[in-house]
Amino acid sequence: MLKPRDGSGKDEGELTGGKRLIEQLKKRHGHFADVIVADALYLNAPFINTLKENGLEGVIRLKDERRMIFQDAERLFKQDEGKKASFWKGKKKIEVWDLSGFKMEGCPYKLRVVRYHEQWEENGKETERFMWLVTTLEAADYRVLWEMMHRRWDIEENGFHQLKTYYHAKHCYCRDAVETIFNLIIIGFNVRELYLYRRSRNFAGSGISRKSINRIFCDDLLTEKVKQILCEKGG
C-alpha cells in the first residue's frame, strides 16, 4: 500500500512503493521471483538497482523518445545494427533489433535494448506498431522477451481493468480492516481467473464474458440448494 502524504509533502509514488514491496518480499520469502516485468514508469536507475541488489532481473517498457538510451539505440538501429531474424506470432510478423551494452546514469549495470516492429492485418487494413524494452537479461531470447511484455499487457487489460471496473479497486484501501477486505477481493478474483482459464479450458475461446460468468455464479449462489449446503453444520 502507498503511504499517504505527510504534512506538506507529496503522496508516495508507485516507484517508492514498488521498491519497498520488492525489499519486503525478498526479506519475507527469499528468492520469490526471477524477473520483474514493468511499465515505462519504472525505467530508472534506482528501481533497476533495487532489482539487481535483490537478485532479480528486469524487463521494462521504453517509451520516452527524449531519453538518451532511446536515442543511442535508435541511432544504431537505423543503421540496421542488431537486426535479428523476424518471427511470426499468429498473424503478426515481428521484426527485431537487439543490442546490449547501453548505460544509464546512476546505474552500474549494462543494459540491453530491444525494438520490435509488429505488422498485421486488421479489418482489411495493414496495421503496425513499434514496441521498445530495456532489460538486464543478457541471454534471454528476444522472442521470450516479447512474450513477457505481452503477458504484462494481459495482466493490465484483464487483471487490473477487471479489478478497477467490477471490484472497486480504485478506492483508497488504507486501514488495516479495509486492506484485509481488499486482499480477500484479490484472492476471490484470482480464484475465479484460475477456474476460468485452468479448470474450464474452453473459456478463452468461448466468447462468454466474465460479467456473464459472474451472473451465473451469483444466480447459483442464490438457489435453495446452495443455501441449504451453506447452512448445514460443517458446510
Protein backbone atom coordinates (compact mmCIF):
# COMPACT_ATOMS: atom_id res chain seq x y z
CA MET A 1 0.00 0.00 0.00
CA LEU A 2 1.23 3.51 -0.83
CA LYS A 3 1.71 5.78 2.14
CA PRO A 4 -0.36 9.00 2.29
CA ARG A 5 1.24 12.40 2.34
CA ASP A 6 2.95 13.54 5.50
CA GLY A 7 2.34 17.23 6.19
CA SER A 8 3.11 19.31 3.13
CA GLY A 9 4.95 16.50 1.35
CA LYS A 10 3.63 14.71 -1.72
CA ASP A 11 1.86 11.37 -1.68
CA GLU A 12 4.21 8.43 -2.02
CA GLY A 13 4.56 7.38 -5.65
CA GLU A 14 4.44 3.97 -7.32
CA LEU A 15 8.22 3.80 -7.70
CA THR A 16 8.88 4.21 -3.99
CA GLY A 17 6.14 1.73 -3.10
CA GLY A 18 7.41 -0.71 -5.73
CA LYS A 19 10.94 -0.68 -4.38
CA ARG A 20 9.67 -1.16 -0.83
CA LEU A 21 7.50 -4.08 -1.95
CA ILE A 22 10.44 -5.84 -3.61
CA GLU A 23 12.57 -5.43 -0.50
CA GLN A 24 9.77 -6.72 1.75
CA LEU A 25 9.13 -9.75 -0.46
CA LYS A 26 12.84 -10.56 -0.54
CA LYS A 27 13.06 -10.32 3.26
CA ARG A 28 9.90 -12.39 3.81
CA HIS A 29 10.22 -15.06 1.10
CA GLY A 30 13.84 -15.06 -0.06
CA HIS A 31 14.09 -15.64 -3.81
CA PHE A 32 10.42 -15.07 -4.72
CA ALA A 33 10.83 -14.47 -8.47
CA ASP A 34 13.35 -14.38 -11.30
CA VAL A 35 12.16 -11.45 -13.44
CA ILE A 36 10.09 -8.33 -12.81
CA VAL A 37 8.23 -7.03 -15.88
CA ALA A 38 7.26 -3.37 -15.58
CA ASP A 39 5.83 -0.39 -17.41
CA ALA A 40 7.92 2.57 -18.63
CA LEU A 41 7.40 4.47 -15.35
CA TYR A 42 9.85 2.06 -13.67
CA LEU A 43 12.70 2.65 -16.12
CA ASN A 44 15.08 4.50 -13.84
CA ALA A 45 18.38 3.73 -12.14
CA PRO A 46 17.13 3.41 -8.51
CA PHE A 47 14.49 0.84 -9.48
CA ILE A 48 16.88 -1.22 -11.63
CA ASN A 49 19.48 -1.08 -8.85
CA THR A 50 16.87 -2.32 -6.36
CA LEU A 51 16.06 -5.25 -8.64
CA LYS A 52 19.68 -6.29 -9.05
CA GLU A 53 20.51 -5.84 -5.37
CA ASN A 54 17.69 -8.26 -4.54
CA GLY A 55 18.77 -10.91 -7.04
CA LEU A 56 16.19 -10.04 -9.70
CA GLU A 57 16.29 -9.19 -13.38
CA GLY A 58 14.10 -6.59 -15.10
CA VAL A 59 12.18 -6.30 -18.37
CA ILE A 60 10.90 -2.72 -18.60
CA ARG A 61 8.99 -0.87 -21.31
CA LEU A 62 10.79 2.03 -23.05
CA LYS A 63 8.58 4.80 -24.42
CA ASP A 64 10.15 8.22 -23.98
CA GLU A 65 11.96 9.20 -27.19
CA ARG A 66 13.76 12.00 -25.34
CA ARG A 67 15.75 9.57 -23.21
CA MET A 68 19.41 9.16 -24.10
CA ILE A 69 19.19 5.37 -24.03
CA PHE A 70 16.36 5.55 -26.60
CA GLN A 71 18.27 7.94 -28.86
CA ASP A 72 21.51 5.97 -28.64
CA ALA A 73 19.76 2.73 -29.53
CA GLU A 74 17.66 4.30 -32.29
CA ARG A 75 20.76 5.70 -33.99
CA LEU A 76 22.28 2.22 -34.11
CA PHE A 77 19.05 0.51 -35.13
CA LYS A 78 18.63 2.92 -38.07
CA GLN A 79 21.94 1.58 -39.34
CA ASP A 80 20.46 -1.92 -39.03
CA GLU A 81 22.88 -2.83 -36.26
CA GLY A 82 21.49 -5.55 -34.05
CA LYS A 83 18.99 -6.68 -36.71
CA LYS A 84 17.70 -10.16 -35.89
CA ALA A 85 15.64 -12.70 -37.79
CA SER A 86 11.93 -11.84 -37.96
CA PHE A 87 9.40 -14.19 -36.40
CA TRP A 88 5.66 -14.76 -36.60
CA LYS A 89 3.18 -14.82 -33.72
CA GLY A 90 -0.21 -15.83 -35.03
CA LYS A 91 -0.89 -13.44 -37.91
CA LYS A 92 1.67 -10.90 -36.72
CA LYS A 93 5.03 -10.54 -38.38
CA ILE A 94 7.58 -9.14 -35.92
CA GLU A 95 10.90 -7.58 -36.90
CA VAL A 96 13.55 -7.27 -34.18
CA TRP A 97 16.57 -5.10 -33.39
CA ASP A 98 18.52 -6.17 -30.31
CA LEU A 99 21.71 -4.66 -28.84
CA SER A 100 23.46 -4.78 -25.45
CA GLY A 101 25.96 -2.62 -23.60
CA PHE A 102 23.91 0.53 -23.00
CA LYS A 103 24.38 2.68 -19.91
CA MET A 104 22.07 4.75 -17.73
CA GLU A 105 23.26 7.45 -15.33
CA GLY A 106 23.38 6.17 -11.76
CA CYS A 107 23.08 2.53 -12.85
CA PRO A 108 26.31 0.45 -12.81
CA TYR A 109 24.73 -2.39 -14.79
CA LYS A 110 24.93 -2.78 -18.58
CA LEU A 111 21.51 -2.73 -20.22
CA ARG A 112 20.07 -4.31 -23.32
CA VAL A 113 17.61 -2.53 -25.63
CA VAL A 114 15.24 -4.42 -27.92
CA ARG A 115 12.96 -2.86 -30.55
CA TYR A 116 10.04 -4.76 -32.10
CA HIS A 117 8.15 -3.76 -35.24
CA GLU A 118 4.82 -5.59 -35.34
CA GLN A 119 2.80 -5.78 -38.57
CA TRP A 120 -0.60 -7.41 -39.06
CA GLU A 121 -3.86 -7.04 -40.93
CA GLU A 122 -6.93 -5.84 -39.03
CA ASN A 123 -10.35 -5.22 -40.61
CA GLY A 124 -8.79 -5.39 -44.06
CA LYS A 125 -6.12 -2.77 -43.25
CA GLU A 126 -2.40 -3.13 -42.70
CA THR A 127 -1.56 -2.19 -39.09
CA GLU A 128 1.83 -1.68 -37.45
CA ARG A 129 3.22 -0.87 -34.02
CA PHE A 130 6.68 -0.38 -32.53
CA MET A 131 7.44 -1.67 -29.04
CA TRP A 132 10.67 -0.99 -27.15
CA LEU A 133 12.01 -2.53 -23.97
CA VAL A 134 15.08 -2.36 -21.76
CA THR A 135 16.27 -5.44 -19.91
CA THR A 136 19.06 -6.62 -17.64
CA LEU A 137 18.73 -10.12 -19.12
CA GLU A 138 21.71 -10.70 -21.36
CA ALA A 139 20.96 -14.16 -22.70
CA ALA A 140 17.14 -14.32 -22.90
CA ASP A 141 15.80 -14.96 -26.40
CA TYR A 142 14.16 -11.86 -27.91
CA ARG A 143 11.04 -13.92 -28.66
CA VAL A 144 10.73 -14.76 -24.96
CA LEU A 145 11.15 -11.08 -24.05
CA TRP A 146 8.33 -10.19 -26.48
CA GLU A 147 6.11 -12.77 -24.78
CA MET A 148 6.96 -11.39 -21.33
CA MET A 149 5.94 -7.86 -22.28
CA HIS A 150 2.70 -9.03 -23.87
CA ARG A 151 1.85 -11.09 -20.77
CA ARG A 152 2.22 -7.89 -18.76
CA TRP A 153 -0.34 -6.27 -21.08
CA ASP A 154 -2.69 -9.19 -20.44
CA ILE A 155 -2.45 -8.56 -16.70
CA GLU A 156 -3.03 -4.83 -17.25
CA GLU A 157 -6.02 -5.30 -19.54
CA ASN A 158 -7.67 -8.27 -17.85
CA GLY A 159 -6.48 -8.17 -14.25
CA PHE A 160 -6.26 -4.50 -13.27
CA HIS A 161 -9.07 -3.40 -15.58
CA GLN A 162 -11.42 -6.01 -14.14
CA LEU A 163 -10.43 -5.17 -10.56
CA LYS A 164 -10.95 -1.43 -11.04
CA THR A 165 -14.17 -1.73 -13.06
CA TYR A 166 -16.01 -4.52 -11.23
CA TYR A 167 -14.27 -4.87 -7.85
CA HIS A 168 -14.00 -1.18 -6.87
CA ALA A 169 -10.20 -1.40 -6.61
CA LYS A 170 -9.89 2.31 -7.43
CA HIS A 171 -11.00 3.23 -3.91
CA CYS A 172 -8.43 4.02 -1.22
CA TYR A 173 -7.73 0.97 0.93
CA CYS A 174 -5.52 2.35 3.66
CA ARG A 175 -6.78 0.99 7.00
CA ASP A 176 -5.95 -2.48 8.29
CA ALA A 177 -9.52 -3.83 8.25
CA VAL A 178 -10.33 -2.44 4.83
CA GLU A 179 -6.98 -3.64 3.50
CA THR A 180 -7.88 -7.15 4.65
CA ILE A 181 -11.19 -6.94 2.78
CA PHE A 182 -9.36 -5.76 -0.32
CA ASN A 183 -6.91 -8.67 -0.05
CA LEU A 184 -9.88 -11.06 0.13
CA ILE A 185 -11.26 -9.45 -3.02
CA ILE A 186 -7.93 -10.05 -4.76
CA ILE A 187 -7.94 -13.69 -3.63
CA GLY A 188 -11.51 -14.14 -4.89
CA PHE A 189 -10.61 -12.55 -8.22
CA ASN A 190 -7.57 -14.81 -8.65
CA VAL A 191 -9.57 -17.94 -7.75
CA ARG A 192 -12.14 -17.04 -10.40
CA GLU A 193 -9.42 -16.43 -13.03
CA LEU A 194 -7.76 -19.76 -12.21
CA TYR A 195 -11.11 -21.52 -12.52
CA LEU A 196 -11.91 -19.91 -15.87
CA TYR A 197 -8.51 -20.39 -17.54
CA ARG A 198 -7.14 -23.52 -15.88
CA ARG A 199 -10.18 -25.57 -14.91
CA SER A 200 -12.65 -24.52 -17.60
CA ARG A 201 -10.26 -24.82 -20.52
CA ASN A 202 -12.75 -23.79 -23.21
CA PHE A 203 -13.49 -20.38 -21.67
CA ALA A 204 -10.78 -18.42 -23.52
CA GLY A 205 -12.29 -19.16 -26.95
CA SER A 206 -15.94 -19.30 -25.91
CA GLY A 207 -16.82 -15.65 -26.39
CA ILE A 208 -18.54 -15.62 -22.98
CA SER A 209 -17.73 -12.54 -20.88
CA ARG A 210 -16.56 -12.63 -17.28
CA LYS A 211 -19.57 -10.49 -16.47
CA SER A 212 -21.88 -13.29 -17.65
CA ILE A 213 -19.93 -15.85 -15.64
CA ASN A 214 -20.25 -13.66 -12.54
CA ARG A 215 -24.02 -13.50 -13.00
CA ILE A 216 -24.20 -17.30 -13.34
CA PHE A 217 -22.15 -17.70 -10.13
CA CYS A 218 -24.42 -15.25 -8.29
CA ASP A 219 -27.58 -16.96 -9.56
CA ASP A 220 -26.28 -20.35 -8.43
CA LEU A 221 -25.40 -18.98 -5.00
CA LEU A 222 -28.98 -17.75 -4.60
CA THR A 223 -30.57 -21.15 -5.26
CA GLU A 224 -32.15 -23.04 -2.35
CA LYS A 225 -29.76 -25.96 -2.83
CA VAL A 226 -26.69 -23.80 -2.23
CA LYS A 227 -28.35 -22.05 0.69
CA GLN A 228 -29.03 -25.42 2.27
CA ILE A 229 -25.43 -26.55 1.79
CA LEU A 230 -24.07 -23.33 3.29
CA CYS A 231 -26.37 -23.55 6.30
CA GLU A 232 -25.68 -27.21 7.06
CA LYS A 233 -23.43 -27.94 10.02
CA GLY A 234 -19.84 -28.13 8.76
CA GLY A 235 -20.95 -26.93 5.32
